[in-house]
């Protein structure tokens, strides 16, 4: 999926809270010293460079089962997204109220013909 970011095939929407969440999750100590650890900052910088930053002017909270996921739904609504790509579909079920389809990464890649 990361190799498709910035290709123009789809837009990647980001927000400051999302990037901070990605950074926090990626830099947890359990990852330290593992292959790719030193590229986390580069990947986040690339997402910031290629992503379309959305400012959230409204809050739909609470809408998700996990309050930490509300920012994902708010970002998708603000960015007028067609999809949220996630392994966590159960907590984001209300996305369909906003016309947003939930796909896991494999489903997304299949839908766009990147894998068979």
PDB file of N, CA and C in Angstrom:
ATOM      1  N   UNK A   1       0.829  -1.178   0.000  1.00  0.00           N
ATOM      2  CA  UNK A   1       0.000   0.000   0.000  1.00  0.00           C
ATOM      3  C   UNK A   1       0.877   1.245   0.000  1.00  0.00           C
ATOM      4  N   UNK A   2       1.936   1.236   0.803  1.00  0.00           N
ATOM      5  CA  UNK A   2       2.794   2.414   0.852  1.00  0.00           C
ATOM      6  C   UNK A   2       3.409   2.731  -0.504  1.00  0.00           C
ATOM      7  N   UNK A   3       3.692   1.714  -1.285  1.00  0.00           N
ATOM      8  CA  UNK A   3       4.300   1.966  -2.601  1.00  0.00           C
ATOM      9  C   UNK A   3       3.329   2.651  -3.557  1.00  0.00           C
ATOM     10  N   UNK A   4       2.034   2.640  -3.255  1.00  0.00           N
ATOM     11  CA  UNK A   4       1.037   3.294  -4.095  1.00  0.00           C
ATOM     12  C   UNK A   4       0.746   4.735  -3.678  1.00  0.00           C
ATOM     13  N   UNK A   5       1.177   5.106  -2.478  1.00  0.00           N
ATOM     14  CA  UNK A   5       0.975   6.482  -2.014  1.00  0.00           C
ATOM     15  C   UNK A   5       1.740   7.424  -2.930  1.00  0.00           C
ATOM     16  N   UNK A   6       1.081   8.480  -3.359  1.00  0.00           N
ATOM     17  CA  UNK A   6       1.724   9.476  -4.211  1.00  0.00           C
ATOM     18  C   UNK A   6       1.726   9.148  -5.690  1.00  0.00           C
ATOM     19  N   UNK A   7       1.098   8.045  -6.089  1.00  0.00           N
ATOM     20  CA  UNK A   7       1.074   7.672  -7.503  1.00  0.00           C
ATOM     21  C   UNK A   7      -0.079   8.324  -8.263  1.00  0.00           C
ATOM     22  N   UNK A   8      -1.007   8.944  -7.539  1.00  0.00           N
ATOM     23  CA  UNK A   8      -2.170   9.546  -8.176  1.00  0.00           C
ATOM     24  C   UNK A   8      -3.332   8.593  -8.360  1.00  0.00           C
ATOM     25  N   UNK A   9      -3.169   7.352  -7.979  1.00  0.00           N
ATOM     26  CA  UNK A   9      -4.254   6.367  -8.124  1.00  0.00           C
ATOM     27  C   UNK A   9      -5.362   6.593  -7.114  1.00  0.00           C
ATOM     28  N   UNK A  10      -5.004   7.198  -5.981  1.00  0.00           N
ATOM     29  CA  UNK A  10      -5.973   7.531  -4.947  1.00  0.00           C
ATOM     30  C   UNK A  10      -5.365   8.631  -4.090  1.00  0.00           C
ATOM     31  N   UNK A  11      -6.199   9.310  -3.345  1.00  0.00           N
ATOM     32  CA  UNK A  11      -5.725  10.349  -2.432  1.00  0.00           C
ATOM     33  C   UNK A  11      -5.514   9.742  -1.049  1.00  0.00           C
ATOM     34  N   UNK A  12      -4.498  10.206  -0.377  1.00  0.00           N
ATOM     35  CA  UNK A  12      -4.235   9.807   0.997  1.00  0.00           C
ATOM     36  C   UNK A  12      -4.532  11.011   1.870  1.00  0.00           C
ATOM     37  N   UNK A  13      -5.541  10.910   2.708  1.00  0.00           N
ATOM     38  CA  UNK A  13      -5.906  12.000   3.595  1.00  0.00           C
ATOM     39  C   UNK A  13      -5.254  11.810   4.949  1.00  0.00           C
ATOM     40  N   UNK A  14      -4.714  12.892   5.480  1.00  0.00           N
ATOM     41  CA  UNK A  14      -4.040  12.844   6.768  1.00  0.00           C
ATOM     42  C   UNK A  14      -4.518  14.014   7.631  1.00  0.00           C
ATOM     43  N   UNK A  15      -4.255  13.894   8.916  1.00  0.00           N
ATOM     44  CA  UNK A  15      -4.475  14.990   9.855  1.00  0.00           C
ATOM     45  C   UNK A  15      -3.342  14.934  10.868  1.00  0.00           C
ATOM     46  N   UNK A  16      -3.132  16.025  11.557  1.00  0.00           N
ATOM     47  CA  UNK A  16      -2.081  16.043  12.573  1.00  0.00           C
ATOM     48  C   UNK A  16      -2.319  14.944  13.618  1.00  0.00           C
ATOM     49  N   UNK A  17      -3.550  14.810  14.166  1.00  0.00           N
ATOM     50  CA  UNK A  17      -3.746  13.735  15.151  1.00  0.00           C
ATOM     51  C   UNK A  17      -3.459  12.331  14.588  1.00  0.00           C
ATOM     52  N   UNK A  18      -3.780  12.094  13.325  1.00  0.00           N
ATOM     53  CA  UNK A  18      -3.533  10.777  12.742  1.00  0.00           C
ATOM     54  C   UNK A  18      -2.033  10.505  12.623  1.00  0.00           C
ATOM     55  N   UNK A  19      -1.279  11.473  12.137  1.00  0.00           N
ATOM     56  CA  UNK A  19       0.166  11.278  12.009  1.00  0.00           C
ATOM     57  C   UNK A  19       0.792  11.055  13.389  1.00  0.00           C
ATOM     58  N   UNK A  20       0.340  11.802  14.379  1.00  0.00           N
ATOM     59  CA  UNK A  20       0.862  11.597  15.741  1.00  0.00           C
ATOM     60  C   UNK A  20       0.514  10.207  16.266  1.00  0.00           C
ATOM     61  N   UNK A  21      -0.680   9.724  15.945  1.00  0.00           N
ATOM     62  CA  UNK A  21      -1.080   8.369  16.342  1.00  0.00           C
ATOM     63  C   UNK A  21      -0.220   7.323  15.635  1.00  0.00           C
ATOM     64  N   UNK A  22       0.008   7.499  14.321  1.00  0.00           N
ATOM     65  CA  UNK A  22       0.878   6.585  13.580  1.00  0.00           C
ATOM     66  C   UNK A  22       2.273   6.559  14.212  1.00  0.00           C
ATOM     67  N   UNK A  23       2.797   7.739  14.514  1.00  0.00           N
ATOM     68  CA  UNK A  23       4.139   7.816  15.089  1.00  0.00           C
ATOM     69  C   UNK A  23       4.204   7.112  16.439  1.00  0.00           C
ATOM     70  N   UNK A  24       3.218   7.353  17.272  1.00  0.00           N
ATOM     71  CA  UNK A  24       3.178   6.721  18.587  1.00  0.00           C
ATOM     72  C   UNK A  24       3.116   5.199  18.463  1.00  0.00           C
ATOM     73  N   UNK A  25       2.234   4.712  17.591  1.00  0.00           N
ATOM     74  CA  UNK A  25       2.083   3.261  17.417  1.00  0.00           C
ATOM     75  C   UNK A  25       3.346   2.640  16.822  1.00  0.00           C
ATOM     76  N   UNK A  26       3.938   3.314  15.834  1.00  0.00           N
ATOM     77  CA  UNK A  26       5.101   2.748  15.143  1.00  0.00           C
ATOM     78  C   UNK A  26       6.354   2.755  15.997  1.00  0.00           C
ATOM     79  N   UNK A  27       6.450   3.705  16.889  1.00  0.00           N
ATOM     80  CA  UNK A  27       7.682   3.849  17.668  1.00  0.00           C
ATOM     81  C   UNK A  27       7.609   3.219  19.053  1.00  0.00           C
ATOM     82  N   UNK A  28       6.595   2.405  19.274  1.00  0.00           N
ATOM     83  CA  UNK A  28       6.548   1.693  20.553  1.00  0.00           C
ATOM     84  C   UNK A  28       7.784   0.819  20.671  1.00  0.00           C
ATOM     85  N   UNK A  29       8.244   0.626  21.867  1.00  0.00           N
ATOM     86  CA  UNK A  29       9.515  -0.064  22.091  1.00  0.00           C
ATOM     87  C   UNK A  29       9.558  -1.473  21.517  1.00  0.00           C
ATOM     88  N   UNK A  30       8.407  -2.135  21.345  1.00  0.00           N
ATOM     89  CA  UNK A  30       8.452  -3.497  20.815  1.00  0.00           C
ATOM     90  C   UNK A  30       8.998  -3.538  19.386  1.00  0.00           C
ATOM     91  N   UNK A  31       8.962  -2.399  18.679  1.00  0.00           N
ATOM     92  CA  UNK A  31       9.486  -2.330  17.315  1.00  0.00           C
ATOM     93  C   UNK A  31      10.968  -1.979  17.289  1.00  0.00           C
ATOM     94  N   UNK A  32      11.454  -1.380  18.356  1.00  0.00           N
ATOM     95  CA  UNK A  32      12.826  -0.884  18.366  1.00  0.00           C
ATOM     96  C   UNK A  32      13.816  -2.001  18.056  1.00  0.00           C
ATOM     97  N   UNK A  33      14.736  -1.685  17.160  1.00  0.00           N
ATOM     98  CA  UNK A  33      15.779  -2.625  16.786  1.00  0.00           C
ATOM     99  C   UNK A  33      15.381  -3.624  15.715  1.00  0.00           C
ATOM    100  N   UNK A  34      14.113  -3.666  15.350  1.00  0.00           N
ATOM    101  CA  UNK A  34      13.663  -4.598  14.310  1.00  0.00           C
ATOM    102  C   UNK A  34      13.919  -3.991  12.937  1.00  0.00           C
ATOM    103  N   UNK A  35      13.969  -4.846  11.891  1.00  0.00           N
ATOM    104  CA  UNK A  35      14.204  -4.324  10.546  1.00  0.00           C
ATOM    105  C   UNK A  35      13.198  -3.233  10.192  1.00  0.00           C
ATOM    106  N   UNK A  36      13.703  -2.148   9.639  1.00  0.00           N
ATOM    107  CA  UNK A  36      12.851  -1.046   9.228  1.00  0.00           C
ATOM    108  C   UNK A  36      12.634   0.013  10.288  1.00  0.00           C
ATOM    109  N   UNK A  37      13.069  -0.262  11.520  1.00  0.00           N
ATOM    110  CA  UNK A  37      12.868   0.685  12.625  1.00  0.00           C
ATOM    111  C   UNK A  37      13.368   2.081  12.255  1.00  0.00           C
ATOM    112  N   UNK A  38      14.533   2.165  11.640  1.00  0.00           N
ATOM    113  CA  UNK A  38      15.120   3.465  11.345  1.00  0.00           C
ATOM    114  C   UNK A  38      14.427   4.181  10.178  1.00  0.00           C
ATOM    115  N   UNK A  39      13.465   3.530   9.511  1.00  0.00           N
ATOM    116  CA  UNK A  39      12.753   4.166   8.404  1.00  0.00           C
ATOM    117  C   UNK A  39      11.394   4.741   8.796  1.00  0.00           C
ATOM    118  N   UNK A  40      10.993   4.563  10.044  1.00  0.00           N
ATOM    119  CA  UNK A  40       9.670   5.016  10.474  1.00  0.00           C
ATOM    120  C   UNK A  40       9.501   6.512  10.236  1.00  0.00           C
ATOM    121  N   UNK A  41      10.472   7.301  10.645  1.00  0.00           N
ATOM    122  CA  UNK A  41      10.381   8.757  10.450  1.00  0.00           C
ATOM    123  C   UNK A  41      10.318   9.116   8.975  1.00  0.00           C
ATOM    124  N   UNK A  42      11.078   8.403   8.138  1.00  0.00           N
ATOM    125  CA  UNK A  42      11.053   8.663   6.699  1.00  0.00           C
ATOM    126  C   UNK A  42       9.678   8.361   6.106  1.00  0.00           C
ATOM    127  N   UNK A  43       9.063   7.278   6.537  1.00  0.00           N
ATOM    128  CA  UNK A  43       7.734   6.903   6.038  1.00  0.00           C
ATOM    129  C   UNK A  43       6.703   7.939   6.465  1.00  0.00           C
ATOM    130  N   UNK A  44       6.750   8.369   7.710  1.00  0.00           N
ATOM    131  CA  UNK A  44       5.820   9.388   8.188  1.00  0.00           C
ATOM    132  C   UNK A  44       6.034  10.710   7.455  1.00  0.00           C
ATOM    133  N   UNK A  45       7.285  11.069   7.218  1.00  0.00           N
ATOM    134  CA  UNK A  45       7.574  12.288   6.449  1.00  0.00           C
ATOM    135  C   UNK A  45       6.998  12.188   5.041  1.00  0.00           C
ATOM    136  N   UNK A  46       7.118  11.017   4.430  1.00  0.00           N
ATOM    137  CA  UNK A  46       6.580  10.810   3.085  1.00  0.00           C
ATOM    138  C   UNK A  46       5.051  10.927   3.083  1.00  0.00           C
ATOM    139  N   UNK A  47       4.403  10.343   4.081  1.00  0.00           N
ATOM    140  CA  UNK A  47       2.940  10.467   4.185  1.00  0.00           C
ATOM    141  C   UNK A  47       2.536  11.932   4.343  1.00  0.00           C
ATOM    142  N   UNK A  48       3.302  12.687   5.117  1.00  0.00           N
ATOM    143  CA  UNK A  48       3.004  14.117   5.290  1.00  0.00           C
ATOM    144  C   UNK A  48       3.216  14.884   3.988  1.00  0.00           C
ATOM    145  N   UNK A  49       4.219  14.515   3.232  1.00  0.00           N
ATOM    146  CA  UNK A  49       4.509  15.180   1.958  1.00  0.00           C
ATOM    147  C   UNK A  49       3.429  14.878   0.917  1.00  0.00           C
ATOM    148  N   UNK A  50       3.027  13.627   0.815  1.00  0.00           N
ATOM    149  CA  UNK A  50       2.091  13.203  -0.235  1.00  0.00           C
ATOM    150  C   UNK A  50       0.623  13.263   0.184  1.00  0.00           C
ATOM    151  N   UNK A  51       0.359  13.240   1.468  1.00  0.00           N
ATOM    152  CA  UNK A  51      -1.021  13.225   1.947  1.00  0.00           C
ATOM    153  C   UNK A  51      -1.695  14.581   1.818  1.00  0.00           C
ATOM    154  N   UNK A  52      -2.997  14.543   1.736  1.00  0.00           N
ATOM    155  CA  UNK A  52      -3.800  15.762   1.697  1.00  0.00           C
ATOM    156  C   UNK A  52      -4.276  16.046   3.115  1.00  0.00           C
ATOM    157  N   UNK A  53      -3.691  17.095   3.714  1.00  0.00           N
ATOM    158  CA  UNK A  53      -4.038  17.394   5.106  1.00  0.00           C
ATOM    159  C   UNK A  53      -5.454  17.936   5.177  1.00  0.00           C
ATOM    160  N   UNK A  54      -6.208  17.369   6.091  1.00  0.00           N
ATOM    161  CA  UNK A  54      -7.582  17.801   6.340  1.00  0.00           C
ATOM    162  C   UNK A  54      -7.646  18.445   7.714  1.00  0.00           C
ATOM    163  N   UNK A  55      -8.283  19.571   7.762  1.00  0.00           N
ATOM    164  CA  UNK A  55      -8.567  20.201   9.046  1.00  0.00           C
ATOM    165  C   UNK A  55      -9.987  19.792   9.424  1.00  0.00           C
ATOM    166  N   UNK A  56     -10.139  19.339  10.624  1.00  0.00           N
ATOM    167  CA  UNK A  56     -11.437  18.866  11.086  1.00  0.00           C
ATOM    168  C   UNK A  56     -12.162  20.047  11.735  1.00  0.00           C
ATOM    169  N   UNK A  57     -13.259  20.483  11.104  1.00  0.00           N
ATOM    170  CA  UNK A  57     -14.017  21.627  11.607  1.00  0.00           C
ATOM    171  C   UNK A  57     -15.263  21.197  12.372  1.00  0.00           C
ATOM    172  N   UNK A  58     -15.465  19.935  12.479  1.00  0.00           N
ATOM    173  CA  UNK A  58     -16.639  19.415  13.163  1.00  0.00           C
ATOM    174  C   UNK A  58     -16.254  18.101  13.807  1.00  0.00           C
ATOM    175  N   UNK A  59     -16.987  17.726  14.813  1.00  0.00           N
ATOM    176  CA  UNK A  59     -16.733  16.459  15.495  1.00  0.00           C
ATOM    177  C   UNK A  59     -18.013  15.642  15.482  1.00  0.00           C
ATOM    178  N   UNK A  60     -17.887  14.393  15.124  1.00  0.00           N
ATOM    179  CA  UNK A  60     -19.032  13.486  15.079  1.00  0.00           C
ATOM    180  C   UNK A  60     -19.052  12.583  16.306  1.00  0.00           C
ATOM    181  N   UNK A  61     -18.356  12.941  17.336  1.00  0.00           N
ATOM    182  CA  UNK A  61     -18.193  12.072  18.498  1.00  0.00           C
ATOM    183  C   UNK A  61     -19.414  12.047  19.378  1.00  0.00           C
ATOM    184  N   UNK A  62     -19.629  10.952  20.021  1.00  0.00           N
ATOM    185  CA  UNK A  62     -19.028   9.634  19.784  1.00  0.00           C
ATOM    186  C   UNK A  62     -19.789   8.886  18.691  1.00  0.00           C
ATOM    187  N   UNK A  63     -19.091   8.294  17.757  1.00  0.00           N
ATOM    188  CA  UNK A  63     -19.691   7.516  16.674  1.00  0.00           C
ATOM    189  C   UNK A  63     -19.130   6.100  16.604  1.00  0.00           C
ATOM    190  N   UNK A  64     -17.938   5.880  17.125  1.00  0.00           N
ATOM    191  CA  UNK A  64     -17.297   4.575  16.993  1.00  0.00           C
ATOM    192  C   UNK A  64     -17.279   3.850  18.329  1.00  0.00           C
ATOM    193  N   UNK A  65     -17.062   2.547  18.258  1.00  0.00           N
ATOM    194  CA  UNK A  65     -17.005   1.727  19.479  1.00  0.00           C
ATOM    195  C   UNK A  65     -15.795   2.080  20.332  1.00  0.00           C
ATOM    196  N   UNK A  66     -14.702   2.471  19.686  1.00  0.00           N
ATOM    197  CA  UNK A  66     -13.476   2.858  20.379  1.00  0.00           C
ATOM    198  C   UNK A  66     -13.286   4.363  20.182  1.00  0.00           C
ATOM    199  N   UNK A  67     -13.330   5.159  21.242  1.00  0.00           N
ATOM    200  CA  UNK A  67     -13.203   6.611  21.100  1.00  0.00           C
ATOM    201  C   UNK A  67     -11.955   7.063  20.341  1.00  0.00           C
ATOM    202  N   UNK A  68     -10.901   6.269  20.362  1.00  0.00           N
ATOM    203  CA  UNK A  68      -9.686   6.626  19.622  1.00  0.00           C
ATOM    204  C   UNK A  68      -9.903   6.570  18.113  1.00  0.00           C
ATOM    205  N   UNK A  69     -10.920   5.849  17.670  1.00  0.00           N
ATOM    206  CA  UNK A  69     -11.190   5.728  16.237  1.00  0.00           C
ATOM    207  C   UNK A  69     -12.085   6.837  15.696  1.00  0.00           C
ATOM    208  N   UNK A  70     -12.644   7.657  16.568  1.00  0.00           N
ATOM    209  CA  UNK A  70     -13.490   8.758  16.099  1.00  0.00           C
ATOM    210  C   UNK A  70     -12.728   9.690  15.159  1.00  0.00           C
ATOM    211  N   UNK A  71     -11.442   9.922  15.446  1.00  0.00           N
ATOM    212  CA  UNK A  71     -10.675  10.826  14.585  1.00  0.00           C
ATOM    213  C   UNK A  71     -10.523  10.262  13.164  1.00  0.00           C
ATOM    214  N   UNK A  72     -10.505   8.948  13.022  1.00  0.00           N
ATOM    215  CA  UNK A  72     -10.416   8.333  11.697  1.00  0.00           C
ATOM    216  C   UNK A  72     -11.689   8.624  10.908  1.00  0.00           C
ATOM    217  N   UNK A  73     -12.825   8.433  11.534  1.00  0.00           N
ATOM    218  CA  UNK A  73     -14.098   8.698  10.867  1.00  0.00           C
ATOM    219  C   UNK A  73     -14.231  10.181  10.539  1.00  0.00           C
ATOM    220  N   UNK A  74     -13.859  11.055  11.464  1.00  0.00           N
ATOM    221  CA  UNK A  74     -13.935  12.495  11.214  1.00  0.00           C
ATOM    222  C   UNK A  74     -13.042  12.902  10.044  1.00  0.00           C
ATOM    223  N   UNK A  75     -11.859  12.329   9.969  1.00  0.00           N
ATOM    224  CA  UNK A  75     -10.949  12.618   8.869  1.00  0.00           C
ATOM    225  C   UNK A  75     -11.539  12.153   7.540  1.00  0.00           C
ATOM    226  N   UNK A  76     -12.110  10.969   7.521  1.00  0.00           N
ATOM    227  CA  UNK A  76     -12.708  10.440   6.289  1.00  0.00           C
ATOM    228  C   UNK A  76     -13.878  11.297   5.828  1.00  0.00           C
ATOM    229  N   UNK A  77     -14.692  11.774   6.754  1.00  0.00           N
ATOM    230  CA  UNK A  77     -15.820  12.640   6.392  1.00  0.00           C
ATOM    231  C   UNK A  77     -15.293  13.974   5.871  1.00  0.00           C
ATOM    232  N   UNK A  78     -14.323  14.566   6.570  1.00  0.00           N
ATOM    233  CA  UNK A  78     -13.758  15.859   6.156  1.00  0.00           C
ATOM    234  C   UNK A  78     -13.101  15.765   4.785  1.00  0.00           C
ATOM    235  N   UNK A  79     -12.479  14.627   4.495  1.00  0.00           N
ATOM    236  CA  UNK A  79     -11.795  14.431   3.221  1.00  0.00           C
ATOM    237  C   UNK A  79     -12.699  13.911   2.114  1.00  0.00           C
ATOM    238  N   UNK A  80     -13.992  13.762   2.422  1.00  0.00           N
ATOM    239  CA  UNK A  80     -14.949  13.243   1.443  1.00  0.00           C
ATOM    240  C   UNK A  80     -14.458  11.913   0.855  1.00  0.00           C
ATOM    241  N   UNK A  81     -14.003  11.038   1.737  1.00  0.00           N
ATOM    242  CA  UNK A  81     -13.415   9.761   1.328  1.00  0.00           C
ATOM    243  C   UNK A  81     -14.477   8.741   0.926  1.00  0.00           C
ATOM    244  N   UNK A  82     -14.120   7.899  -0.023  1.00  0.00           N
ATOM    245  CA  UNK A  82     -14.965   6.780  -0.422  1.00  0.00           C
ATOM    246  C   UNK A  82     -14.689   5.551   0.437  1.00  0.00           C
ATOM    247  N   UNK A  83     -13.457   5.455   0.949  1.00  0.00           N
ATOM    248  CA  UNK A  83     -13.022   4.271   1.685  1.00  0.00           C
ATOM    249  C   UNK A  83     -12.241   4.643   2.935  1.00  0.00           C
ATOM    250  N   UNK A  84     -12.320   3.786   3.918  1.00  0.00           N
ATOM    251  CA  UNK A  84     -11.371   3.749   5.030  1.00  0.00           C
ATOM    252  C   UNK A  84     -10.708   2.387   4.938  1.00  0.00           C
ATOM    253  N   UNK A  85      -9.382   2.386   4.870  1.00  0.00           N
ATOM    254  CA  UNK A  85      -8.629   1.144   4.787  1.00  0.00           C
ATOM    255  C   UNK A  85      -8.182   0.800   6.204  1.00  0.00           C
ATOM    256  N   UNK A  86      -8.661  -0.333   6.710  1.00  0.00           N
ATOM    257  CA  UNK A  86      -8.400  -0.687   8.101  1.00  0.00           C
ATOM    258  C   UNK A  86      -8.573  -2.183   8.324  1.00  0.00           C
ATOM    259  N   UNK A  87      -7.883  -2.691   9.323  1.00  0.00           N
ATOM    260  CA  UNK A  87      -8.136  -4.045   9.795  1.00  0.00           C
ATOM    261  C   UNK A  87      -9.191  -4.024  10.896  1.00  0.00           C
ATOM    262  N   UNK A  88      -9.599  -2.831  11.304  1.00  0.00           N
ATOM    263  CA  UNK A  88     -10.482  -2.654  12.447  1.00  0.00           C
ATOM    264  C   UNK A  88     -11.894  -2.263  12.003  1.00  0.00           C
ATOM    265  N   UNK A  89     -12.520  -3.063  11.192  1.00  0.00           N
ATOM    266  CA  UNK A  89     -13.848  -2.746  10.665  1.00  0.00           C
ATOM    267  C   UNK A  89     -14.920  -2.697  11.747  1.00  0.00           C
ATOM    268  N   UNK A  90     -14.816  -3.549  12.743  1.00  0.00           N
ATOM    269  CA  UNK A  90     -15.889  -3.645  13.733  1.00  0.00           C
ATOM    270  C   UNK A  90     -16.066  -2.343  14.512  1.00  0.00           C
ATOM    271  N   UNK A  91     -14.995  -1.608  14.746  1.00  0.00           N
ATOM    272  CA  UNK A  91     -15.105  -0.363  15.502  1.00  0.00           C
ATOM    273  C   UNK A  91     -15.498   0.834  14.639  1.00  0.00           C
ATOM    274  N   UNK A  92     -15.494   0.678  13.325  1.00  0.00           N
ATOM    275  CA  UNK A  92     -15.801   1.799  12.433  1.00  0.00           C
ATOM    276  C   UNK A  92     -17.068   1.561  11.610  1.00  0.00           C
ATOM    277  N   UNK A  93     -17.955   0.725  12.096  1.00  0.00           N
ATOM    278  CA  UNK A  93     -19.151   0.347  11.340  1.00  0.00           C
ATOM    279  C   UNK A  93     -20.029   1.533  10.953  1.00  0.00           C
ATOM    280  N   UNK A  94     -20.010   2.612  11.715  1.00  0.00           N
ATOM    281  CA  UNK A  94     -20.840   3.772  11.391  1.00  0.00           C
ATOM    282  C   UNK A  94     -20.361   4.533  10.158  1.00  0.00           C
ATOM    283  N   UNK A  95     -19.234   4.148   9.589  1.00  0.00           N
ATOM    284  CA  UNK A  95     -18.742   4.821   8.393  1.00  0.00           C
ATOM    285  C   UNK A  95     -19.766   4.753   7.263  1.00  0.00           C
ATOM    286  N   UNK A  96     -20.526   3.661   7.202  1.00  0.00           N
ATOM    287  CA  UNK A  96     -21.504   3.504   6.122  1.00  0.00           C
ATOM    288  C   UNK A  96     -22.604   4.556   6.177  1.00  0.00           C
ATOM    289  N   UNK A  97     -22.872   5.124   7.352  1.00  0.00           N
ATOM    290  CA  UNK A  97     -23.854   6.205   7.477  1.00  0.00           C
ATOM    291  C   UNK A  97     -23.429   7.396   6.629  1.00  0.00           C
ATOM    292  N   UNK A  98     -22.126   7.576   6.474  1.00  0.00           N
ATOM    293  CA  UNK A  98     -21.568   8.686   5.715  1.00  0.00           C
ATOM    294  C   UNK A  98     -21.206   8.283   4.288  1.00  0.00           C
ATOM    295  N   UNK A  99     -21.602   7.082   3.877  1.00  0.00           N
ATOM    296  CA  UNK A  99     -21.302   6.607   2.530  1.00  0.00           C
ATOM    297  C   UNK A  99     -19.862   6.187   2.339  1.00  0.00           C
ATOM    298  N   UNK A 100     -19.203   5.820   3.413  1.00  0.00           N
ATOM    299  CA  UNK A 100     -17.796   5.414   3.361  1.00  0.00           C
ATOM    300  C   UNK A 100     -17.717   3.904   3.523  1.00  0.00           C
ATOM    301  N   UNK A 101     -17.044   3.255   2.578  1.00  0.00           N
ATOM    302  CA  UNK A 101     -16.898   1.799   2.598  1.00  0.00           C
ATOM    303  C   UNK A 101     -15.644   1.415   3.384  1.00  0.00           C
ATOM    304  N   UNK A 102     -15.760   0.398   4.211  1.00  0.00           N
ATOM    305  CA  UNK A 102     -14.623  -0.120   4.963  1.00  0.00           C
ATOM    306  C   UNK A 102     -14.001  -1.282   4.203  1.00  0.00           C
ATOM    307  N   UNK A 103     -12.700  -1.199   3.965  1.00  0.00           N
ATOM    308  CA  UNK A 103     -11.963  -2.266   3.297  1.00  0.00           C
ATOM    309  C   UNK A 103     -10.695  -2.551   4.085  1.00  0.00           C
ATOM    310  N   UNK A 104     -10.301  -3.821   4.128  1.00  0.00           N
ATOM    311  CA  UNK A 104      -8.976  -4.088   4.682  1.00  0.00           C
ATOM    312  C   UNK A 104      -7.972  -3.893   3.540  1.00  0.00           C
ATOM    313  N   UNK A 105      -6.687  -3.824   3.840  1.00  0.00           N
ATOM    314  CA  UNK A 105      -5.710  -3.552   2.780  1.00  0.00           C
ATOM    315  C   UNK A 105      -5.791  -4.524   1.601  1.00  0.00           C
ATOM    316  N   UNK A 106      -5.982  -5.810   1.861  1.00  0.00           N
ATOM    317  CA  UNK A 106      -6.066  -6.785   0.768  1.00  0.00           C
ATOM    318  C   UNK A 106      -7.282  -6.503  -0.115  1.00  0.00           C
ATOM    319  N   UNK A 107      -8.433  -6.222   0.494  1.00  0.00           N
ATOM    320  CA  UNK A 107      -9.638  -5.914  -0.284  1.00  0.00           C
ATOM    321  C   UNK A 107      -9.421  -4.670  -1.148  1.00  0.00           C
ATOM    322  N   UNK A 108      -8.752  -3.677  -0.592  1.00  0.00           N
ATOM    323  CA  UNK A 108      -8.474  -2.450  -1.337  1.00  0.00           C
ATOM    324  C   UNK A 108      -7.576  -2.734  -2.539  1.00  0.00           C
ATOM    325  N   UNK A 109      -6.502  -3.492  -2.309  1.00  0.00           N
ATOM    326  CA  UNK A 109      -5.579  -3.810  -3.398  1.00  0.00           C
ATOM    327  C   UNK A 109      -6.259  -4.660  -4.475  1.00  0.00           C
ATOM    328  N   UNK A 110      -7.131  -5.569  -4.077  1.00  0.00           N
ATOM    329  CA  UNK A 110      -7.899  -6.359  -5.047  1.00  0.00           C
ATOM    330  C   UNK A 110      -8.840  -5.461  -5.852  1.00  0.00           C
ATOM    331  N   UNK A 111      -9.516  -4.562  -5.182  1.00  0.00           N
ATOM    332  CA  UNK A 111     -10.478  -3.670  -5.829  1.00  0.00           C
ATOM    333  C   UNK A 111      -9.805  -2.808  -6.904  1.00  0.00           C
ATOM    334  N   UNK A 112      -8.566  -2.392  -6.638  1.00  0.00           N
ATOM    335  CA  UNK A 112      -7.856  -1.520  -7.569  1.00  0.00           C
ATOM    336  C   UNK A 112      -6.898  -2.294  -8.486  1.00  0.00           C
ATOM    337  N   UNK A 113      -7.032  -3.612  -8.490  1.00  0.00           N
ATOM    338  CA  UNK A 113      -6.270  -4.424  -9.434  1.00  0.00           C
ATOM    339  C   UNK A 113      -4.782  -4.510  -9.170  1.00  0.00           C
ATOM    340  N   UNK A 114      -4.365  -4.227  -7.956  1.00  0.00           N
ATOM    341  CA  UNK A 114      -2.942  -4.281  -7.640  1.00  0.00           C
ATOM    342  C   UNK A 114      -2.499  -5.712  -7.325  1.00  0.00           C
ATOM    343  N   UNK A 115      -3.421  -6.539  -6.909  1.00  0.00           N
ATOM    344  CA  UNK A 115      -3.138  -7.947  -6.677  1.00  0.00           C
ATOM    345  C   UNK A 115      -4.279  -8.771  -7.258  1.00  0.00           C
ATOM    346  N   UNK A 116      -4.021 -10.021  -7.523  1.00  0.00           N
ATOM    347  CA  UNK A 116      -5.045 -10.926  -8.078  1.00  0.00           C
ATOM    348  C   UNK A 116      -5.601 -11.816  -7.007  1.00  0.00           C
TER     349      UNK A 116
END
